[in-house]
Amino acid sequence: MARVIEISGPITHGMWDYNSLDLGGATLPAVSVTRRASIPQYGFDAHEITVSTLTATYTETAAHMIEGAPTLDQVPITELIRPARL
C-alpha cells in the first residue's frame, strides 16, 4: 500500500494569500482570524475567520474557471490522492 501524506496546514492571521497579485481588478480579503469569545469570558471559545478560497495551499476543481463544472464537494476524496515524487 502506498504511503499517503496529508499536506494541509493551519489557517493563521496574516498568512500567505493572493492579495499581492494583479487579479484584473478583483479584490480578495486578507486572511484574518479574530477571537470573538473566550472560555474565561463566555464559557466557550469562538473565532471569526475571513479567508478567500484562493489562500495558501488549497484544492480546486475546474469549477474555479468553468461554470457548471463539478465542485470540490462533488469529487470523491480518493480522486485527490495522487502519486508524487520529491
PDB file of N, CA and C in Angstrom:
ATOM      1  N   MET A   1       0.841  -1.189   0.000  1.00  0.00           N
ATOM      2  CA  MET A   1       0.000   0.000   0.000  1.00  0.00           C
ATOM      3  C   MET A   1       0.881   1.245   0.000  1.00  0.00           C
ATOM      4  N   ALA A   2       0.497   2.228  -0.794  1.00  0.00           N
ATOM      5  CA  ALA A   2       1.257   3.474  -0.889  1.00  0.00           C
ATOM      6  C   ALA A   2       1.097   4.312   0.373  1.00  0.00           C
ATOM      7  N   ARG A   3       2.120   5.057   0.675  1.00  0.00           N
ATOM      8  CA  ARG A   3       2.076   5.964   1.818  1.00  0.00           C
ATOM      9  C   ARG A   3       1.352   7.234   1.399  1.00  0.00           C
ATOM     10  N   VAL A   4       0.424   7.713   2.222  1.00  0.00           N
ATOM     11  CA  VAL A   4      -0.320   8.942   1.953  1.00  0.00           C
ATOM     12  C   VAL A   4       0.146   9.994   2.951  1.00  0.00           C
ATOM     13  N   ILE A   5       0.545  11.147   2.441  1.00  0.00           N
ATOM     14  CA  ILE A   5       0.994  12.246   3.292  1.00  0.00           C
ATOM     15  C   ILE A   5       0.022  13.401   3.135  1.00  0.00           C
ATOM     16  N   GLU A   6      -0.591  13.796   4.208  1.00  0.00           N
ATOM     17  CA  GLU A   6      -1.553  14.896   4.211  1.00  0.00           C
ATOM     18  C   GLU A   6      -0.767  16.196   4.322  1.00  0.00           C
ATOM     19  N   ILE A   7      -1.004  17.167   3.443  1.00  0.00           N
ATOM     20  CA  ILE A   7      -0.147  18.353   3.368  1.00  0.00           C
ATOM     21  C   ILE A   7      -0.837  19.662   3.746  1.00  0.00           C
ATOM     22  N   SER A   8      -2.007  19.604   4.339  1.00  0.00           N
ATOM     23  CA  SER A   8      -2.668  20.858   4.703  1.00  0.00           C
ATOM     24  C   SER A   8      -1.963  21.504   5.889  1.00  0.00           C
ATOM     25  N   GLY A   9      -2.282  22.741   6.133  1.00  0.00           N
ATOM     26  CA  GLY A   9      -1.695  23.461   7.256  1.00  0.00           C
ATOM     27  C   GLY A   9      -2.742  24.315   7.940  1.00  0.00           C
ATOM     28  N   PRO A  10      -2.364  24.932   9.040  1.00  0.00           N
ATOM     29  CA  PRO A  10      -3.325  25.750   9.788  1.00  0.00           C
ATOM     30  C   PRO A  10      -3.635  27.065   9.072  1.00  0.00           C
ATOM     31  N   ILE A  11      -4.824  27.576   9.305  1.00  0.00           N
ATOM     32  CA  ILE A  11      -5.192  28.912   8.847  1.00  0.00           C
ATOM     33  C   ILE A  11      -4.791  29.869   9.962  1.00  0.00           C
ATOM     34  N   THR A  12      -3.944  30.844   9.642  1.00  0.00           N
ATOM     35  CA  THR A  12      -3.473  31.779  10.664  1.00  0.00           C
ATOM     36  C   THR A  12      -3.625  33.213  10.177  1.00  0.00           C
ATOM     37  N   HIS A  13      -3.799  34.115  11.108  1.00  0.00           N
ATOM     38  CA  HIS A  13      -3.958  35.533  10.812  1.00  0.00           C
ATOM     39  C   HIS A  13      -2.750  36.029  10.016  1.00  0.00           C
ATOM     40  N   GLY A  14      -3.011  36.676   8.875  1.00  0.00           N
ATOM     41  CA  GLY A  14      -1.949  37.256   8.079  1.00  0.00           C
ATOM     42  C   GLY A  14      -1.174  36.271   7.214  1.00  0.00           C
ATOM     43  N   MET A  15      -1.653  35.022   7.111  1.00  0.00           N
ATOM     44  CA  MET A  15      -0.925  34.034   6.316  1.00  0.00           C
ATOM     45  C   MET A  15      -0.917  34.417   4.844  1.00  0.00           C
ATOM     46  N   TRP A  16      -0.105  33.710   4.071  1.00  0.00           N
ATOM     47  CA  TRP A  16       0.053  33.956   2.641  1.00  0.00           C
ATOM     48  C   TRP A  16      -1.282  33.861   1.917  1.00  0.00           C
ATOM     49  N   ASP A  17      -1.501  34.779   0.977  1.00  0.00           N
ATOM     50  CA  ASP A  17      -2.680  34.714   0.121  1.00  0.00           C
ATOM     51  C   ASP A  17      -2.353  35.395  -1.208  1.00  0.00           C
ATOM     52  N   TYR A  18      -3.331  35.578  -2.060  1.00  0.00           N
ATOM     53  CA  TYR A  18      -3.121  36.145  -3.381  1.00  0.00           C
ATOM     54  C   TYR A  18      -3.292  37.656  -3.446  1.00  0.00           C
ATOM     55  N   ASN A  19      -3.364  38.336  -2.339  1.00  0.00           N
ATOM     56  CA  ASN A  19      -3.604  39.786  -2.351  1.00  0.00           C
ATOM     57  C   ASN A  19      -2.522  40.566  -3.077  1.00  0.00           C
ATOM     58  N   SER A  20      -1.299  40.029  -3.143  1.00  0.00           N
ATOM     59  CA  SER A  20      -0.214  40.763  -3.784  1.00  0.00           C
ATOM     60  C   SER A  20      -0.207  40.596  -5.305  1.00  0.00           C
ATOM     61  N   LEU A  21      -1.060  39.753  -5.853  1.00  0.00           N
ATOM     62  CA  LEU A  21      -1.092  39.526  -7.294  1.00  0.00           C
ATOM     63  C   LEU A  21      -2.083  40.453  -7.991  1.00  0.00           C
ATOM     64  N   ASP A  22      -1.830  40.762  -9.252  1.00  0.00           N
ATOM     65  CA  ASP A  22      -2.776  41.528 -10.054  1.00  0.00           C
ATOM     66  C   ASP A  22      -3.889  40.580 -10.486  1.00  0.00           C
ATOM     67  N   LEU A  23      -5.065  40.764  -9.951  1.00  0.00           N
ATOM     68  CA  LEU A  23      -6.194  39.880 -10.226  1.00  0.00           C
ATOM     69  C   LEU A  23      -7.158  40.501 -11.223  1.00  0.00           C
ATOM     70  N   GLY A  24      -6.676  41.426 -12.012  1.00  0.00           N
ATOM     71  CA  GLY A  24      -7.524  42.037 -13.024  1.00  0.00           C
ATOM     72  C   GLY A  24      -8.644  42.877 -12.440  1.00  0.00           C
ATOM     73  N   GLY A  25      -8.406  43.487 -11.297  1.00  0.00           N
ATOM     74  CA  GLY A  25      -9.411  44.339 -10.677  1.00  0.00           C
ATOM     75  C   GLY A  25     -10.198  43.666  -9.564  1.00  0.00           C
ATOM     76  N   ALA A  26     -10.146  42.331  -9.492  1.00  0.00           N
ATOM     77  CA  ALA A  26     -10.842  41.632  -8.407  1.00  0.00           C
ATOM     78  C   ALA A  26     -10.092  41.873  -7.100  1.00  0.00           C
ATOM     79  N   THR A  27     -10.825  41.943  -6.022  1.00  0.00           N
ATOM     80  CA  THR A  27     -10.188  42.083  -4.712  1.00  0.00           C
ATOM     81  C   THR A  27     -10.577  40.901  -3.839  1.00  0.00           C
ATOM     82  N   LEU A  28      -9.630  40.420  -3.102  1.00  0.00           N
ATOM     83  CA  LEU A  28      -9.863  39.300  -2.179  1.00  0.00           C
ATOM     84  C   LEU A  28      -9.517  39.760  -0.772  1.00  0.00           C
ATOM     85  N   PRO A  29     -10.230  39.256   0.228  1.00  0.00           N
ATOM     86  CA  PRO A  29      -9.917  39.677   1.595  1.00  0.00           C
ATOM     87  C   PRO A  29      -8.607  39.081   2.072  1.00  0.00           C
ATOM     88  N   ALA A  30      -7.900  39.827   2.908  1.00  0.00           N
ATOM     89  CA  ALA A  30      -6.720  39.287   3.571  1.00  0.00           C
ATOM     90  C   ALA A  30      -7.186  38.247   4.590  1.00  0.00           C
ATOM     91  N   VAL A  31      -6.328  37.287   4.882  1.00  0.00           N
ATOM     92  CA  VAL A  31      -6.669  36.269   5.872  1.00  0.00           C
ATOM     93  C   VAL A  31      -6.684  36.917   7.251  1.00  0.00           C
ATOM     94  N   SER A  32      -7.783  36.712   7.946  1.00  0.00           N
ATOM     95  CA  SER A  32      -7.945  37.297   9.270  1.00  0.00           C
ATOM     96  C   SER A  32      -8.565  36.269  10.208  1.00  0.00           C
ATOM     97  N   VAL A  33      -7.950  36.101  11.371  1.00  0.00           N
ATOM     98  CA  VAL A  33      -8.503  35.233  12.414  1.00  0.00           C
ATOM     99  C   VAL A  33      -8.629  36.088  13.668  1.00  0.00           C
ATOM    100  N   THR A  34      -9.859  36.287  14.129  1.00  0.00           N
ATOM    101  CA  THR A  34     -10.122  37.157  15.264  1.00  0.00           C
ATOM    102  C   THR A  34     -10.909  36.401  16.322  1.00  0.00           C
ATOM    103  N   ARG A  35     -10.401  36.384  17.546  1.00  0.00           N
ATOM    104  CA  ARG A  35     -11.132  35.744  18.639  1.00  0.00           C
ATOM    105  C   ARG A  35     -12.350  36.585  18.983  1.00  0.00           C
ATOM    106  N   ARG A  36     -13.509  35.960  19.022  1.00  0.00           N
ATOM    107  CA  ARG A  36     -14.755  36.646  19.353  1.00  0.00           C
ATOM    108  C   ARG A  36     -15.294  36.261  20.721  1.00  0.00           C
ATOM    109  N   ALA A  37     -14.841  35.135  21.240  1.00  0.00           N
ATOM    110  CA  ALA A  37     -15.264  34.707  22.580  1.00  0.00           C
ATOM    111  C   ALA A  37     -14.160  33.847  23.180  1.00  0.00           C
ATOM    112  N   SER A  38     -14.006  33.953  24.501  1.00  0.00           N
ATOM    113  CA  SER A  38     -13.016  33.128  25.198  1.00  0.00           C
ATOM    114  C   SER A  38     -13.712  32.363  26.322  1.00  0.00           C
ATOM    115  N   ILE A  39     -13.122  31.261  26.720  1.00  0.00           N
ATOM    116  CA  ILE A  39     -13.712  30.438  27.786  1.00  0.00           C
ATOM    117  C   ILE A  39     -13.826  31.218  29.092  1.00  0.00           C
ATOM    118  N   PRO A  40     -12.774  31.950  29.524  1.00  0.00           N
ATOM    119  CA  PRO A  40     -12.929  32.709  30.776  1.00  0.00           C
ATOM    120  C   PRO A  40     -14.048  33.756  30.716  1.00  0.00           C
ATOM    121  N   GLN A  41     -14.227  34.363  29.551  1.00  0.00           N
ATOM    122  CA  GLN A  41     -15.211  35.440  29.442  1.00  0.00           C
ATOM    123  C   GLN A  41     -16.629  34.933  29.212  1.00  0.00           C
ATOM    124  N   TYR A  42     -16.798  33.918  28.328  1.00  0.00           N
ATOM    125  CA  TYR A  42     -18.135  33.484  27.930  1.00  0.00           C
ATOM    126  C   TYR A  42     -18.435  32.010  28.193  1.00  0.00           C
ATOM    127  N   GLY A  43     -17.416  31.256  28.571  1.00  0.00           N
ATOM    128  CA  GLY A  43     -17.627  29.826  28.799  1.00  0.00           C
ATOM    129  C   GLY A  43     -17.418  28.984  27.543  1.00  0.00           C
ATOM    130  N   PHE A  44     -17.039  29.604  26.439  1.00  0.00           N
ATOM    131  CA  PHE A  44     -16.721  28.879  25.197  1.00  0.00           C
ATOM    132  C   PHE A  44     -15.718  29.708  24.400  1.00  0.00           C
ATOM    133  N   ASP A  45     -15.052  29.055  23.463  1.00  0.00           N
ATOM    134  CA  ASP A  45     -14.064  29.697  22.608  1.00  0.00           C
ATOM    135  C   ASP A  45     -14.629  29.789  21.200  1.00  0.00           C
ATOM    136  N   ALA A  46     -14.537  30.948  20.550  1.00  0.00           N
ATOM    137  CA  ALA A  46     -15.030  31.111  19.184  1.00  0.00           C
ATOM    138  C   ALA A  46     -14.184  32.144  18.453  1.00  0.00           C
ATOM    139  N   HIS A  47     -13.980  31.897  17.169  1.00  0.00           N
ATOM    140  CA  HIS A  47     -13.198  32.796  16.330  1.00  0.00           C
ATOM    141  C   HIS A  47     -13.965  33.129  15.052  1.00  0.00           C
ATOM    142  N   GLU A  48     -13.726  34.307  14.541  1.00  0.00           N
ATOM    143  CA  GLU A  48     -14.212  34.700  13.219  1.00  0.00           C
ATOM    144  C   GLU A  48     -13.045  34.507  12.253  1.00  0.00           C
ATOM    145  N   ILE A  49     -13.298  33.835  11.142  1.00  0.00           N
ATOM    146  CA  ILE A  49     -12.256  33.596  10.146  1.00  0.00           C
ATOM    147  C   ILE A  49     -12.704  34.201   8.821  1.00  0.00           C
ATOM    148  N   THR A  50     -11.866  35.081   8.256  1.00  0.00           N
ATOM    149  CA  THR A  50     -12.100  35.631   6.929  1.00  0.00           C
ATOM    150  C   THR A  50     -11.003  35.105   6.026  1.00  0.00           C
ATOM    151  N   VAL A  51     -11.416  34.450   4.948  1.00  0.00           N
ATOM    152  CA  VAL A  51     -10.439  33.857   4.034  1.00  0.00           C
ATOM    153  C   VAL A  51     -11.101  33.677   2.674  1.00  0.00           C
ATOM    154  N   SER A  52     -10.361  33.913   1.610  1.00  0.00           N
ATOM    155  CA  SER A  52     -10.900  33.614   0.293  1.00  0.00           C
ATOM    156  C   SER A  52     -10.572  32.163  -0.042  1.00  0.00           C
ATOM    157  N   THR A  53     -11.207  31.642  -1.056  1.00  0.00           N
ATOM    158  CA  THR A  53     -10.926  30.259  -1.450  1.00  0.00           C
ATOM    159  C   THR A  53      -9.595  30.134  -2.181  1.00  0.00           C
ATOM    160  N   LEU A  54      -8.936  31.261  -2.435  1.00  0.00           N
ATOM    161  CA  LEU A  54      -7.622  31.253  -3.083  1.00  0.00           C
ATOM    162  C   LEU A  54      -6.548  31.662  -2.095  1.00  0.00           C
ATOM    163  N   THR A  55      -6.465  30.946  -1.003  1.00  0.00           N
ATOM    164  CA  THR A  55      -5.496  31.257   0.036  1.00  0.00           C
ATOM    165  C   THR A  55      -4.595  30.066   0.282  1.00  0.00           C
ATOM    166  N   ALA A  56      -3.299  30.330   0.339  1.00  0.00           N
ATOM    167  CA  ALA A  56      -2.287  29.333   0.686  1.00  0.00           C
ATOM    168  C   ALA A  56      -2.389  28.097  -0.198  1.00  0.00           C
ATOM    169  N   THR A  57      -2.161  26.932   0.357  1.00  0.00           N
ATOM    170  CA  THR A  57      -2.278  25.693  -0.391  1.00  0.00           C
ATOM    171  C   THR A  57      -3.729  25.254  -0.317  1.00  0.00           C
ATOM    172  N   TYR A  58      -4.320  25.035  -1.454  1.00  0.00           N
ATOM    173  CA  TYR A  58      -5.733  24.694  -1.488  1.00  0.00           C
ATOM    174  C   TYR A  58      -5.997  23.746  -2.637  1.00  0.00           C
ATOM    175  N   THR A  59      -7.180  23.198  -2.676  1.00  0.00           N
ATOM    176  CA  THR A  59      -7.586  22.302  -3.749  1.00  0.00           C
ATOM    177  C   THR A  59      -8.740  22.955  -4.490  1.00  0.00           C
ATOM    178  N   GLU A  60      -8.680  22.913  -5.800  1.00  0.00           N
ATOM    179  CA  GLU A  60      -9.782  23.453  -6.585  1.00  0.00           C
ATOM    180  C   GLU A  60     -10.091  22.495  -7.725  1.00  0.00           C
ATOM    181  N   THR A  61     -11.238  22.700  -8.324  1.00  0.00           N
ATOM    182  CA  THR A  61     -11.648  21.901  -9.473  1.00  0.00           C
ATOM    183  C   THR A  61     -11.801  22.841 -10.672  1.00  0.00           C
ATOM    184  N   ALA A  62     -12.201  22.293 -11.786  1.00  0.00           N
ATOM    185  CA  ALA A  62     -12.429  23.119 -12.968  1.00  0.00           C
ATOM    186  C   ALA A  62     -13.512  24.163 -12.714  1.00  0.00           C
ATOM    187  N   ALA A  63     -14.359  23.961 -11.706  1.00  0.00           N
ATOM    188  CA  ALA A  63     -15.417  24.926 -11.395  1.00  0.00           C
ATOM    189  C   ALA A  63     -14.834  26.286 -11.018  1.00  0.00           C
ATOM    190  N   HIS A  64     -13.567  26.316 -10.706  1.00  0.00           N
ATOM    191  CA  HIS A  64     -12.885  27.574 -10.400  1.00  0.00           C
ATOM    192  C   HIS A  64     -12.886  28.495 -11.617  1.00  0.00           C
ATOM    193  N   MET A  65     -12.894  27.903 -12.815  1.00  0.00           N
ATOM    194  CA  MET A  65     -12.837  28.717 -14.025  1.00  0.00           C
ATOM    195  C   MET A  65     -13.863  28.329 -15.081  1.00  0.00           C
ATOM    196  N   ILE A  66     -14.588  27.224 -14.874  1.00  0.00           N
ATOM    197  CA  ILE A  66     -15.568  26.775 -15.862  1.00  0.00           C
ATOM    198  C   ILE A  66     -16.920  26.628 -15.178  1.00  0.00           C
ATOM    199  N   GLU A  67     -17.839  27.493 -15.528  1.00  0.00           N
ATOM    200  CA  GLU A  67     -19.179  27.446 -14.937  1.00  0.00           C
ATOM    201  C   GLU A  67     -19.836  26.098 -15.216  1.00  0.00           C
ATOM    202  N   GLY A  68     -20.404  25.488 -14.183  1.00  0.00           N
ATOM    203  CA  GLY A  68     -21.103  24.216 -14.320  1.00  0.00           C
ATOM    204  C   GLY A  68     -20.217  22.998 -14.127  1.00  0.00           C
ATOM    205  N   ALA A  69     -18.900  23.191 -14.028  1.00  0.00           N
ATOM    206  CA  ALA A  69     -18.005  22.054 -13.787  1.00  0.00           C
ATOM    207  C   ALA A  69     -18.204  21.540 -12.358  1.00  0.00           C
ATOM    208  N   PRO A  70     -17.848  20.281 -12.082  1.00  0.00           N
ATOM    209  CA  PRO A  70     -18.021  19.736 -10.731  1.00  0.00           C
ATOM    210  C   PRO A  70     -17.249  20.551  -9.688  1.00  0.00           C
ATOM    211  N   THR A  71     -17.880  20.787  -8.553  1.00  0.00           N
ATOM    212  CA  THR A  71     -17.241  21.481  -7.442  1.00  0.00           C
ATOM    213  C   THR A  71     -16.559  20.463  -6.536  1.00  0.00           C
ATOM    214  N   LEU A  72     -15.727  20.939  -5.638  1.00  0.00           N
ATOM    215  CA  LEU A  72     -14.915  20.049  -4.809  1.00  0.00           C
ATOM    216  C   LEU A  72     -15.763  19.064  -4.010  1.00  0.00           C
ATOM    217  N   ASP A  73     -16.924  19.483  -3.537  1.00  0.00           N
ATOM    218  CA  ASP A  73     -17.774  18.580  -2.761  1.00  0.00           C
ATOM    219  C   ASP A  73     -18.353  17.454  -3.619  1.00  0.00           C
ATOM    220  N   GLN A  74     -18.222  17.552  -4.924  1.00  0.00           N
ATOM    221  CA  GLN A  74     -18.717  16.518  -5.827  1.00  0.00           C
ATOM    222  C   GLN A  74     -17.612  15.558  -6.281  1.00  0.00           C
ATOM    223  N   VAL A  75     -16.392  15.774  -5.800  1.00  0.00           N
ATOM    224  CA  VAL A  75     -15.253  14.937  -6.178  1.00  0.00           C
ATOM    225  C   VAL A  75     -14.966  13.959  -5.034  1.00  0.00           C
ATOM    226  N   PRO A  76     -14.949  12.644  -5.311  1.00  0.00           N
ATOM    227  CA  PRO A  76     -14.617  11.678  -4.253  1.00  0.00           C
ATOM    228  C   PRO A  76     -13.204  11.934  -3.712  1.00  0.00           C
ATOM    229  N   ILE A  77     -13.022  11.831  -2.414  1.00  0.00           N
ATOM    230  CA  ILE A  77     -11.716  12.110  -1.815  1.00  0.00           C
ATOM    231  C   ILE A  77     -10.623  11.219  -2.387  1.00  0.00           C
ATOM    232  N   THR A  78     -10.977  10.024  -2.826  1.00  0.00           N
ATOM    233  CA  THR A  78      -9.977   9.127  -3.414  1.00  0.00           C
ATOM    234  C   THR A  78      -9.393   9.710  -4.700  1.00  0.00           C
ATOM    235  N   GLU A  79     -10.122  10.603  -5.359  1.00  0.00           N
ATOM    236  CA  GLU A  79      -9.622  11.246  -6.570  1.00  0.00           C
ATOM    237  C   GLU A  79      -8.540  12.306  -6.258  1.00  0.00           C
ATOM    238  N   LEU A  80      -8.444  12.689  -4.990  1.00  0.00           N
ATOM    239  CA  LEU A  80      -7.483  13.712  -4.604  1.00  0.00           C
ATOM    240  C   LEU A  80      -6.143  13.131  -4.179  1.00  0.00           C
ATOM    241  N   ILE A  81      -6.032  11.839  -4.111  1.00  0.00           N
ATOM    242  CA  ILE A  81      -4.789  11.180  -3.717  1.00  0.00           C
ATOM    243  C   ILE A  81      -4.055  10.780  -4.996  1.00  0.00           C
ATOM    244  N   ARG A  82      -2.884  11.349  -5.187  1.00  0.00           N
ATOM    245  CA  ARG A  82      -2.123  11.145  -6.417  1.00  0.00           C
ATOM    246  C   ARG A  82      -0.660  10.843  -6.105  1.00  0.00           C
ATOM    247  N   PRO A  83       0.009  10.145  -7.007  1.00  0.00           N
ATOM    248  CA  PRO A  83       1.444   9.894  -6.809  1.00  0.00           C
ATOM    249  C   PRO A  83       2.235  11.195  -6.828  1.00  0.00           C
ATOM    250  N   ALA A  84       3.312  11.215  -6.090  1.00  0.00           N
ATOM    251  CA  ALA A  84       4.201  12.371  -6.070  1.00  0.00           C
ATOM    252  C   ALA A  84       5.631  11.899  -5.839  1.00  0.00           C
ATOM    253  N   ARG A  85       6.563  12.716  -6.260  1.00  0.00           N
ATOM    254  CA  ARG A  85       7.983  12.412  -6.053  1.00  0.00           C
ATOM    255  C   ARG A  85       8.671  13.649  -5.518  1.00  0.00           C
ATOM    256  N   LEU A  86       9.678  13.419  -4.719  1.00  0.00           N
ATOM    257  CA  LEU A  86      10.484  14.527  -4.203  1.00  0.00           C
ATOM    258  C   LEU A  86      11.795  14.573  -4.951  1.00  0.00           C
TER     259      LEU A  86
END
